[in-house]
Amino acid sequence: MSRPPIVGVLALQGDVREHLRALTACGAEVRPVRRPAELAGLKGIVLPGGESTTIDKLSRIFGLREPLIAALHAGLPAYGSCAGMILLARCSSAHRGWRASMMA
């Protein structure tokens, strides 16, 4: 029997518990992600809602911003809801060379 995929939930702000519960109900092994080391081994990550500038500031404080951007650019599958989608869009825009204020 194979192990379920490990899916991270960015746990800096927003509906973290709700996302963890929903992913668990779908059969995933879940991990809250607050530090760079917690990105290791993930098969995907969810960026929940909240306030995008607060999430960006907290990701910098926790030293997670650059490692998360690198993981996303390396192909880590991601889903964003609300502010999480805004952060992913800005990350994608920055990757294409567009000016972006967050996750650039």
PDB file of N, CA and C in Angstrom:
ATOM      1  N   MET A   1       0.842  -1.176   0.000  1.00  0.00           N
ATOM      2  CA  MET A   1       0.000   0.000   0.000  1.00  0.00           C
ATOM      3  C   MET A   1       0.890   1.244   0.000  1.00  0.00           C
ATOM      4  N   SER A   2       0.601   2.181  -0.888  1.00  0.00           N
ATOM      5  CA  SER A   2       1.433   3.373  -0.979  1.00  0.00           C
ATOM      6  C   SER A   2       0.974   4.433   0.020  1.00  0.00           C
ATOM      7  N   ARG A   3       1.932   5.272   0.391  1.00  0.00           N
ATOM      8  CA  ARG A   3       1.628   6.366   1.307  1.00  0.00           C
ATOM      9  C   ARG A   3       0.866   7.455   0.575  1.00  0.00           C
ATOM     10  N   PRO A   4      -0.008   8.149   1.284  1.00  0.00           N
ATOM     11  CA  PRO A   4      -0.686   9.284   0.649  1.00  0.00           C
ATOM     12  C   PRO A   4       0.311  10.413   0.404  1.00  0.00           C
ATOM     13  N   PRO A   5      -0.005  11.300  -0.532  1.00  0.00           N
ATOM     14  CA  PRO A   5       0.897  12.431  -0.784  1.00  0.00           C
ATOM     15  C   PRO A   5       0.956  13.350   0.433  1.00  0.00           C
ATOM     16  N   ILE A   6       2.103  13.966   0.625  1.00  0.00           N
ATOM     17  CA  ILE A   6       2.261  14.950   1.691  1.00  0.00           C
ATOM     18  C   ILE A   6       1.986  16.328   1.084  1.00  0.00           C
ATOM     19  N   VAL A   7       0.969  16.979   1.612  1.00  0.00           N
ATOM     20  CA  VAL A   7       0.575  18.297   1.121  1.00  0.00           C
ATOM     21  C   VAL A   7       0.745  19.303   2.246  1.00  0.00           C
ATOM     22  N   GLY A   8       1.464  20.361   1.965  1.00  0.00           N
ATOM     23  CA  GLY A   8       1.668  21.404   2.955  1.00  0.00           C
ATOM     24  C   GLY A   8       0.606  22.479   2.874  1.00  0.00           C
ATOM     25  N   VAL A   9       0.382  23.120   4.002  1.00  0.00           N
ATOM     26  CA  VAL A   9      -0.495  24.290   4.054  1.00  0.00           C
ATOM     27  C   VAL A   9       0.320  25.419   4.672  1.00  0.00           C
ATOM     28  N   LEU A  10       0.492  26.503   3.925  1.00  0.00           N
ATOM     29  CA  LEU A  10       1.217  27.649   4.447  1.00  0.00           C
ATOM     30  C   LEU A  10       0.489  28.122   5.704  1.00  0.00           C
ATOM     31  N   ALA A  11       1.174  28.050   6.834  1.00  0.00           N
ATOM     32  CA  ALA A  11       0.520  28.259   8.132  1.00  0.00           C
ATOM     33  C   ALA A  11       0.944  29.563   8.783  1.00  0.00           C
ATOM     34  N   LEU A  12       0.881  30.642   8.017  1.00  0.00           N
ATOM     35  CA  LEU A  12       1.262  31.942   8.539  1.00  0.00           C
ATOM     36  C   LEU A  12       0.054  32.784   8.922  1.00  0.00           C
ATOM     37  N   GLN A  13      -1.050  32.585   8.240  1.00  0.00           N
ATOM     38  CA  GLN A  13      -2.272  33.326   8.506  1.00  0.00           C
ATOM     39  C   GLN A  13      -3.390  32.691   7.688  1.00  0.00           C
ATOM     40  N   GLY A  14      -4.614  32.896   8.089  1.00  0.00           N
ATOM     41  CA  GLY A  14      -5.745  32.448   7.292  1.00  0.00           C
ATOM     42  C   GLY A  14      -6.367  31.169   7.830  1.00  0.00           C
ATOM     43  N   ASP A  15      -7.135  30.509   6.993  1.00  0.00           N
ATOM     44  CA  ASP A  15      -7.896  29.319   7.374  1.00  0.00           C
ATOM     45  C   ASP A  15      -7.036  28.058   7.320  1.00  0.00           C
ATOM     46  N   VAL A  16      -5.978  28.050   8.077  1.00  0.00           N
ATOM     47  CA  VAL A  16      -5.026  26.930   8.059  1.00  0.00           C
ATOM     48  C   VAL A  16      -5.698  25.644   8.526  1.00  0.00           C
ATOM     49  N   ARG A  17      -6.335  25.670   9.679  1.00  0.00           N
ATOM     50  CA  ARG A  17      -6.967  24.455  10.224  1.00  0.00           C
ATOM     51  C   ARG A  17      -8.000  23.878   9.275  1.00  0.00           C
ATOM     52  N   GLU A  18      -8.797  24.749   8.677  1.00  0.00           N
ATOM     53  CA  GLU A  18      -9.836  24.284   7.757  1.00  0.00           C
ATOM     54  C   GLU A  18      -9.228  23.598   6.537  1.00  0.00           C
ATOM     55  N   HIS A  19      -8.142  24.149   6.025  1.00  0.00           N
ATOM     56  CA  HIS A  19      -7.477  23.521   4.874  1.00  0.00           C
ATOM     57  C   HIS A  19      -6.839  22.191   5.276  1.00  0.00           C
ATOM     58  N   LEU A  20      -6.226  22.141   6.446  1.00  0.00           N
ATOM     59  CA  LEU A  20      -5.636  20.883   6.921  1.00  0.00           C
ATOM     60  C   LEU A  20      -6.708  19.810   7.050  1.00  0.00           C
ATOM     61  N   ARG A  21      -7.855  20.166   7.625  1.00  0.00           N
ATOM     62  CA  ARG A  21      -8.957  19.200   7.781  1.00  0.00           C
ATOM     63  C   ARG A  21      -9.482  18.718   6.431  1.00  0.00           C
ATOM     64  N   ALA A  22      -9.686  19.640   5.501  1.00  0.00           N
ATOM     65  CA  ALA A  22     -10.214  19.272   4.185  1.00  0.00           C
ATOM     66  C   ALA A  22      -9.259  18.348   3.441  1.00  0.00           C
ATOM     67  N   LEU A  23      -7.971  18.645   3.486  1.00  0.00           N
ATOM     68  CA  LEU A  23      -6.994  17.792   2.809  1.00  0.00           C
ATOM     69  C   LEU A  23      -6.900  16.416   3.459  1.00  0.00           C
ATOM     70  N   THR A  24      -6.982  16.378   4.783  1.00  0.00           N
ATOM     71  CA  THR A  24      -6.974  15.097   5.493  1.00  0.00           C
ATOM     72  C   THR A  24      -8.193  14.275   5.090  1.00  0.00           C
ATOM     73  N   ALA A  25      -9.345  14.915   4.996  1.00  0.00           N
ATOM     74  CA  ALA A  25     -10.572  14.218   4.594  1.00  0.00           C
ATOM     75  C   ALA A  25     -10.467  13.656   3.177  1.00  0.00           C
ATOM     76  N   CYS A  26      -9.614  14.272   2.352  1.00  0.00           N
ATOM     77  CA  CYS A  26      -9.398  13.785   0.980  1.00  0.00           C
ATOM     78  C   CYS A  26      -8.351  12.679   0.917  1.00  0.00           C
ATOM     79  N   GLY A  27      -7.745  12.346   2.054  1.00  0.00           N
ATOM     80  CA  GLY A  27      -6.778  11.261   2.089  1.00  0.00           C
ATOM     81  C   GLY A  27      -5.328  11.681   2.027  1.00  0.00           C
ATOM     82  N   ALA A  28      -5.062  12.964   2.067  1.00  0.00           N
ATOM     83  CA  ALA A  28      -3.676  13.435   2.026  1.00  0.00           C
ATOM     84  C   ALA A  28      -3.069  13.401   3.423  1.00  0.00           C
ATOM     85  N   GLU A  29      -1.759  13.237   3.470  1.00  0.00           N
ATOM     86  CA  GLU A  29      -1.010  13.480   4.698  1.00  0.00           C
ATOM     87  C   GLU A  29      -0.687  14.967   4.667  1.00  0.00           C
ATOM     88  N   VAL A  30      -0.982  15.676   5.750  1.00  0.00           N
ATOM     89  CA  VAL A  30      -0.840  17.132   5.720  1.00  0.00           C
ATOM     90  C   VAL A  30       0.249  17.607   6.664  1.00  0.00           C
ATOM     91  N   ARG A  31       0.785  18.769   6.324  1.00  0.00           N
ATOM     92  CA  ARG A  31       1.833  19.369   7.144  1.00  0.00           C
ATOM     93  C   ARG A  31       1.683  20.889   7.122  1.00  0.00           C
ATOM     94  N   PRO A  32       1.529  21.514   8.291  1.00  0.00           N
ATOM     95  CA  PRO A  32       1.580  22.975   8.316  1.00  0.00           C
ATOM     96  C   PRO A  32       2.999  23.431   7.991  1.00  0.00           C
ATOM     97  N   VAL A  33       3.130  24.480   7.209  1.00  0.00           N
ATOM     98  CA  VAL A  33       4.442  24.963   6.780  1.00  0.00           C
ATOM     99  C   VAL A  33       4.646  26.385   7.285  1.00  0.00           C
ATOM    100  N   ARG A  34       5.642  26.527   8.168  1.00  0.00           N
ATOM    101  CA  ARG A  34       6.023  27.845   8.693  1.00  0.00           C
ATOM    102  C   ARG A  34       7.510  28.126   8.485  1.00  0.00           C
ATOM    103  N   ARG A  35       8.288  27.090   8.299  1.00  0.00           N
ATOM    104  CA  ARG A  35       9.752  27.203   8.190  1.00  0.00           C
ATOM    105  C   ARG A  35      10.222  26.535   6.887  1.00  0.00           C
ATOM    106  N   PRO A  36      11.349  26.963   6.358  1.00  0.00           N
ATOM    107  CA  PRO A  36      11.853  26.391   5.105  1.00  0.00           C
ATOM    108  C   PRO A  36      12.011  24.871   5.129  1.00  0.00           C
ATOM    109  N   ALA A  37      12.478  24.309   6.229  1.00  0.00           N
ATOM    110  CA  ALA A  37      12.698  22.859   6.294  1.00  0.00           C
ATOM    111  C   ALA A  37      11.401  22.067   6.110  1.00  0.00           C
ATOM    112  N   GLU A  38      10.269  22.695   6.402  1.00  0.00           N
ATOM    113  CA  GLU A  38       8.983  22.002   6.287  1.00  0.00           C
ATOM    114  C   GLU A  38       8.507  21.872   4.843  1.00  0.00           C
ATOM    115  N   LEU A  39       9.222  22.472   3.901  1.00  0.00           N
ATOM    116  CA  LEU A  39       8.912  22.311   2.480  1.00  0.00           C
ATOM    117  C   LEU A  39       9.417  20.976   1.933  1.00  0.00           C
ATOM    118  N   ALA A  40      10.392  20.392   2.598  1.00  0.00           N
ATOM    119  CA  ALA A  40      11.011  19.156   2.105  1.00  0.00           C
ATOM    120  C   ALA A  40       9.989  18.029   2.020  1.00  0.00           C
ATOM    121  N   GLY A  41       9.987  17.348   0.895  1.00  0.00           N
ATOM    122  CA  GLY A  41       9.149  16.175   0.717  1.00  0.00           C
ATOM    123  C   GLY A  41       7.708  16.442   0.336  1.00  0.00           C
ATOM    124  N   LEU A  42       7.338  17.702   0.190  1.00  0.00           N
ATOM    125  CA  LEU A  42       5.953  18.001  -0.165  1.00  0.00           C
ATOM    126  C   LEU A  42       5.667  17.626  -1.617  1.00  0.00           C
ATOM    127  N   LYS A  43       4.456  17.156  -1.856  1.00  0.00           N
ATOM    128  CA  LYS A  43       3.984  16.886  -3.217  1.00  0.00           C
ATOM    129  C   LYS A  43       3.105  18.022  -3.720  1.00  0.00           C
ATOM    130  N   GLY A  44       2.796  18.965  -2.837  1.00  0.00           N
ATOM    131  CA  GLY A  44       1.991  20.123  -3.189  1.00  0.00           C
ATOM    132  C   GLY A  44       1.872  21.019  -1.977  1.00  0.00           C
ATOM    133  N   ILE A  45       1.395  22.240  -2.213  1.00  0.00           N
ATOM    134  CA  ILE A  45       1.207  23.183  -1.104  1.00  0.00           C
ATOM    135  C   ILE A  45      -0.039  24.021  -1.365  1.00  0.00           C
ATOM    136  N   VAL A  46      -0.728  24.347  -0.285  1.00  0.00           N
ATOM    137  CA  VAL A  46      -1.899  25.215  -0.340  1.00  0.00           C
ATOM    138  C   VAL A  46      -1.542  26.521   0.353  1.00  0.00           C
ATOM    139  N   LEU A  47      -1.829  27.623  -0.305  1.00  0.00           N
ATOM    140  CA  LEU A  47      -1.670  28.949   0.292  1.00  0.00           C
ATOM    141  C   LEU A  47      -3.068  29.463   0.589  1.00  0.00           C
ATOM    142  N   PRO A  48      -3.464  29.449   1.868  1.00  0.00           N
ATOM    143  CA  PRO A  48      -4.832  29.840   2.205  1.00  0.00           C
ATOM    144  C   PRO A  48      -5.029  31.348   2.166  1.00  0.00           C
ATOM    145  N   GLY A  49      -6.272  31.729   2.386  1.00  0.00           N
ATOM    146  CA  GLY A  49      -6.618  33.136   2.428  1.00  0.00           C
ATOM    147  C   GLY A  49      -6.017  33.819   3.643  1.00  0.00           C
ATOM    148  N   GLY A  50      -6.290  35.066   3.758  1.00  0.00           N
ATOM    149  CA  GLY A  50      -5.753  35.916   4.802  1.00  0.00           C
ATOM    150  C   GLY A  50      -5.561  37.286   4.194  1.00  0.00           C
ATOM    151  N   GLU A  51      -4.541  37.964   4.590  1.00  0.00           N
ATOM    152  CA  GLU A  51      -4.227  39.279   4.037  1.00  0.00           C
ATOM    153  C   GLU A  51      -2.860  39.172   3.372  1.00  0.00           C
ATOM    154  N   SER A  52      -2.811  39.415   2.077  1.00  0.00           N
ATOM    155  CA  SER A  52      -1.614  39.105   1.296  1.00  0.00           C
ATOM    156  C   SER A  52      -0.360  39.841   1.780  1.00  0.00           C
ATOM    157  N   THR A  53      -0.475  41.110   2.160  1.00  0.00           N
ATOM    158  CA  THR A  53       0.735  41.805   2.611  1.00  0.00           C
ATOM    159  C   THR A  53       1.217  41.265   3.958  1.00  0.00           C
ATOM    160  N   THR A  54       0.295  40.862   4.818  1.00  0.00           N
ATOM    161  CA  THR A  54       0.674  40.255   6.102  1.00  0.00           C
ATOM    162  C   THR A  54       1.350  38.917   5.879  1.00  0.00           C
ATOM    163  N   ILE A  55       0.798  38.101   4.989  1.00  0.00           N
ATOM    164  CA  ILE A  55       1.403  36.802   4.690  1.00  0.00           C
ATOM    165  C   ILE A  55       2.808  37.006   4.129  1.00  0.00           C
ATOM    166  N   ASP A  56       2.964  37.985   3.234  1.00  0.00           N
ATOM    167  CA  ASP A  56       4.277  38.259   2.662  1.00  0.00           C
ATOM    168  C   ASP A  56       5.266  38.672   3.752  1.00  0.00           C
ATOM    169  N   LYS A  57       4.850  39.584   4.637  1.00  0.00           N
ATOM    170  CA  LYS A  57       5.735  40.031   5.726  1.00  0.00           C
ATOM    171  C   LYS A  57       6.117  38.871   6.640  1.00  0.00           C
ATOM    172  N   LEU A  58       5.141  38.040   6.996  1.00  0.00           N
ATOM    173  CA  LEU A  58       5.436  36.903   7.869  1.00  0.00           C
ATOM    174  C   LEU A  58       6.348  35.887   7.178  1.00  0.00           C
ATOM    175  N   SER A  59       6.167  35.693   5.876  1.00  0.00           N
ATOM    176  CA  SER A  59       7.045  34.755   5.158  1.00  0.00           C
ATOM    177  C   SER A  59       8.492  35.234   5.181  1.00  0.00           C
ATOM    178  N   ARG A  60       8.692  36.533   5.168  1.00  0.00           N
ATOM    179  CA  ARG A  60      10.046  37.095   5.271  1.00  0.00           C
ATOM    180  C   ARG A  60      10.608  36.901   6.678  1.00  0.00           C
ATOM    181  N   ILE A  61       9.786  37.170   7.690  1.00  0.00           N
ATOM    182  CA  ILE A  61      10.216  37.026   9.081  1.00  0.00           C
ATOM    183  C   ILE A  61      10.623  35.586   9.378  1.00  0.00           C
ATOM    184  N   PHE A  62       9.852  34.628   8.877  1.00  0.00           N
ATOM    185  CA  PHE A  62      10.128  33.212   9.128  1.00  0.00           C
ATOM    186  C   PHE A  62      11.190  32.643   8.185  1.00  0.00           C
ATOM    187  N   GLY A  63      11.729  33.468   7.279  1.00  0.00           N
ATOM    188  CA  GLY A  63      12.750  32.990   6.343  1.00  0.00           C
ATOM    189  C   GLY A  63      12.210  32.022   5.310  1.00  0.00           C
ATOM    190  N   LEU A  64      10.916  32.093   5.054  1.00  0.00           N
ATOM    191  CA  LEU A  64      10.250  31.136   4.169  1.00  0.00           C
ATOM    192  C   LEU A  64      10.036  31.670   2.758  1.00  0.00           C
ATOM    193  N   ARG A  65      10.070  32.967   2.606  1.00  0.00           N
ATOM    194  CA  ARG A  65       9.720  33.574   1.319  1.00  0.00           C
ATOM    195  C   ARG A  65      10.566  33.044   0.162  1.00  0.00           C
ATOM    196  N   GLU A  66      11.868  33.183   0.248  1.00  0.00           N
ATOM    197  CA  GLU A  66      12.738  32.776  -0.867  1.00  0.00           C
ATOM    198  C   GLU A  66      12.706  31.261  -1.114  1.00  0.00           C
ATOM    199  N   PRO A  67      12.784  30.413  -0.071  1.00  0.00           N
ATOM    200  CA  PRO A  67      12.694  28.970  -0.323  1.00  0.00           C
ATOM    201  C   PRO A  67      11.353  28.557  -0.945  1.00  0.00           C
ATOM    202  N   LEU A  68      10.271  29.223  -0.545  1.00  0.00           N
ATOM    203  CA  LEU A  68       8.962  28.911  -1.125  1.00  0.00           C
ATOM    204  C   LEU A  68       8.919  29.320  -2.588  1.00  0.00           C
ATOM    205  N   ILE A  69       9.417  30.496  -2.895  1.00  0.00           N
ATOM    206  CA  ILE A  69       9.467  30.938  -4.292  1.00  0.00           C
ATOM    207  C   ILE A  69      10.299  29.963  -5.125  1.00  0.00           C
ATOM    208  N   ALA A  70      11.435  29.553  -4.604  1.00  0.00           N
ATOM    209  CA  ALA A  70      12.291  28.605  -5.330  1.00  0.00           C
ATOM    210  C   ALA A  70      11.563  27.285  -5.567  1.00  0.00           C
ATOM    211  N   ALA A  71      10.850  26.793  -4.560  1.00  0.00           N
ATOM    212  CA  ALA A  71      10.115  25.535  -4.709  1.00  0.00           C
ATOM    213  C   ALA A  71       9.012  25.667  -5.757  1.00  0.00           C
ATOM    214  N   LEU A  72       8.312  26.788  -5.749  1.00  0.00           N
ATOM    215  CA  LEU A  72       7.255  27.010  -6.738  1.00  0.00           C
ATOM    216  C   LEU A  72       7.835  27.104  -8.145  1.00  0.00           C
ATOM    217  N   HIS A  73       8.923  27.828  -8.295  1.00  0.00           N
ATOM    218  CA  HIS A  73       9.545  27.957  -9.616  1.00  0.00           C
ATOM    219  C   HIS A  73      10.134  26.635 -10.086  1.00  0.00           C
ATOM    220  N   ALA A  74      10.477  25.751  -9.142  1.00  0.00           N
ATOM    221  CA  ALA A  74      10.999  24.426  -9.494  1.00  0.00           C
ATOM    222  C   ALA A  74       9.876  23.445  -9.829  1.00  0.00           C
ATOM    223  N   GLY A  75       8.619  23.886  -9.676  1.00  0.00           N
ATOM    224  CA  GLY A  75       7.505  23.051 -10.096  1.00  0.00           C
ATOM    225  C   GLY A  75       6.630  22.483  -8.991  1.00  0.00           C
ATOM    226  N   LEU A  76       6.816  22.906  -7.743  1.00  0.00           N
ATOM    227  CA  LEU A  76       5.948  22.418  -6.674  1.00  0.00           C
ATOM    228  C   LEU A  76       4.510  22.814  -6.990  1.00  0.00           C
ATOM    229  N   PRO A  77       3.600  21.844  -7.122  1.00  0.00           N
ATOM    230  CA  PRO A  77       2.195  22.186  -7.385  1.00  0.00           C
ATOM    231  C   PRO A  77       1.627  22.998  -6.222  1.00  0.00           C
ATOM    232  N   ALA A  78       0.801  23.997  -6.551  1.00  0.00           N
ATOM    233  CA  ALA A  78       0.262  24.874  -5.521  1.00  0.00           C
ATOM    234  C   ALA A  78      -1.181  25.230  -5.841  1.00  0.00           C
ATOM    235  N   TYR A  79      -1.931  25.440  -4.769  1.00  0.00           N
ATOM    236  CA  TYR A  79      -3.302  25.923  -4.865  1.00  0.00           C
ATOM    237  C   TYR A  79      -3.413  27.116  -3.924  1.00  0.00           C
ATOM    238  N   GLY A  80      -3.995  28.190  -4.391  1.00  0.00           N
ATOM    239  CA  GLY A  80      -4.183  29.350  -3.550  1.00  0.00           C
ATOM    240  C   GLY A  80      -5.642  29.730  -3.473  1.00  0.00           C
ATOM    241  N   SER A  81      -6.106  30.024  -2.279  1.00  0.00           N
ATOM    242  CA  SER A  81      -7.465  30.535  -2.122  1.00  0.00           C
ATOM    243  C   SER A  81      -7.366  31.960  -1.590  1.00  0.00           C
ATOM    244  N   CYS A  82      -8.128  32.842  -2.177  1.00  0.00           N
ATOM    245  CA  CYS A  82      -8.188  34.244  -1.768  1.00  0.00           C
ATOM    246  C   CYS A  82      -6.785  34.880  -1.814  1.00  0.00           C
ATOM    247  N   ALA A  83      -6.237  35.284  -0.669  1.00  0.00           N
ATOM    248  CA  ALA A  83      -4.917  35.924  -0.658  1.00  0.00           C
ATOM    249  C   ALA A  83      -3.840  34.981  -1.185  1.00  0.00           C
ATOM    250  N   GLY A  84      -3.998  33.701  -0.958  1.00  0.00           N
ATOM    251  CA  GLY A  84      -3.037  32.732  -1.481  1.00  0.00           C
ATOM    252  C   GLY A  84      -2.965  32.764  -2.996  1.00  0.00           C
ATOM    253  N   MET A  85      -4.125  32.952  -3.642  1.00  0.00           N
ATOM    254  CA  MET A  85      -4.152  33.055  -5.100  1.00  0.00           C
ATOM    255  C   MET A  85      -3.463  34.334  -5.558  1.00  0.00           C
ATOM    256  N   ILE A  86      -3.642  35.398  -4.820  1.00  0.00           N
ATOM    257  CA  ILE A  86      -2.967  36.662  -5.148  1.00  0.00           C
ATOM    258  C   ILE A  86      -1.448  36.473  -5.071  1.00  0.00           C
ATOM    259  N   LEU A  87      -0.980  35.836  -4.020  1.00  0.00           N
ATOM    260  CA  LEU A  87       0.461  35.606  -3.875  1.00  0.00           C
ATOM    261  C   LEU A  87       0.999  34.723  -4.992  1.00  0.00           C
ATOM    262  N   LEU A  88       0.258  33.685  -5.356  1.00  0.00           N
ATOM    263  CA  LEU A  88       0.703  32.815  -6.447  1.00  0.00           C
ATOM    264  C   LEU A  88       0.720  33.558  -7.774  1.00  0.00           C
ATOM    265  N   ALA A  89      -0.258  34.400  -8.011  1.00  0.00           N
ATOM    266  CA  ALA A  89      -0.291  35.170  -9.259  1.00  0.00           C
ATOM    267  C   ALA A  89       0.894  36.120  -9.336  1.00  0.00           C
ATOM    268  N   ARG A  90       1.213  36.740  -8.214  1.00  0.00           N
ATOM    269  CA  ARG A  90       2.352  37.656  -8.202  1.00  0.00           C
ATOM    270  C   ARG A  90       3.657  36.901  -8.370  1.00  0.00           C
ATOM    271  N   CYS A  91       3.738  35.718  -7.810  1.00  0.00           N
ATOM    272  CA  CYS A  91       4.937  34.893  -7.974  1.00  0.00           C
ATOM    273  C   CYS A  91       5.092  34.513  -9.441  1.00  0.00           C
ATOM    274  N   SER A  92       4.004  34.104 -10.064  1.00  0.00           N
ATOM    275  CA  SER A  92       4.029  33.716 -11.468  1.00  0.00           C
ATOM    276  C   SER A  92       4.382  34.909 -12.350  1.00  0.00           C
ATOM    277  N   SER A  93       3.786  36.067 -12.062  1.00  0.00           N
ATOM    278  CA  SER A  93       4.073  37.267 -12.846  1.00  0.00           C
ATOM    279  C   SER A  93       5.541  37.653 -12.734  1.00  0.00           C
ATOM    280  N   ALA A  94       6.090  37.563 -11.525  1.00  0.00           N
ATOM    281  CA  ALA A  94       7.492  37.915 -11.322  1.00  0.00           C
ATOM    282  C   ALA A  94       8.396  36.943 -12.067  1.00  0.00           C
ATOM    283  N   HIS A  95       8.004  35.691 -12.108  1.00  0.00           N
ATOM    284  CA  HIS A  95       8.802  34.678 -12.792  1.00  0.00           C
ATOM    285  C   HIS A  95       8.886  34.975 -14.290  1.00  0.00           C
ATOM    286  N   ARG A  96       7.847  35.575 -14.832  1.00  0.00           N
ATOM    287  CA  ARG A  96       7.830  35.922 -16.256  1.00  0.00           C
ATOM    288  C   ARG A  96       8.479  37.276 -16.516  1.00  0.00           C
ATOM    289  N   GLY A  97       9.014  37.889 -15.465  1.00  0.00           N
ATOM    290  CA  GLY A  97       9.714  39.138 -15.659  1.00  0.00           C
ATOM    291  C   GLY A  97       8.871  40.380 -15.486  1.00  0.00           C
ATOM    292  N   TRP A  98       7.592  40.244 -15.116  1.00  0.00           N
ATOM    293  CA  TRP A  98       6.756  41.407 -14.889  1.00  0.00           C
ATOM    294  C   TRP A  98       7.069  41.997 -13.528  1.00  0.00           C
ATOM    295  N   ARG A  99       6.811  43.265 -13.376  1.00  0.00           N
ATOM    296  CA  ARG A  99       7.020  43.920 -12.074  1.00  0.00           C
ATOM    297  C   ARG A  99       5.935  43.430 -11.111  1.00  0.00           C
ATOM    298  N   ALA A 100       6.372  43.002  -9.942  1.00  0.00           N
ATOM    299  CA  ALA A 100       5.425  42.550  -8.922  1.00  0.00           C
ATOM    300  C   ALA A 100       5.949  42.962  -7.550  1.00  0.00           C
ATOM    301  N   SER A 101       5.069  43.352  -6.678  1.00  0.00           N
ATOM    302  CA  SER A 101       5.493  43.846  -5.376  1.00  0.00           C
ATOM    303  C   SER A 101       5.678  42.732  -4.365  1.00  0.00           C
ATOM    304  N   MET A 102       5.061  41.584  -4.583  1.00  0.00           N
ATOM    305  CA  MET A 102       5.145  40.509  -3.594  1.00  0.00           C
ATOM    306  C   MET A 102       5.588  39.227  -4.272  1.00  0.00           C
ATOM    307  N   MET A 103       6.234  38.388  -3.516  1.00  0.00           N
ATOM    308  CA  MET A 103       6.677  37.090  -4.004  1.00  0.00           C
ATOM    309  C   MET A 103       7.421  37.239  -5.317  1.00  0.00           C
ATOM    310  N   ALA A 104       8.151  38.325  -5.471  1.00  0.00           N
ATOM    311  CA  ALA A 104       8.897  38.574  -6.715  1.00  0.00           C
ATOM    312  C   ALA A 104      10.291  38.022  -6.617  1.00  0.00           C
TER     313      ALA A 104
END
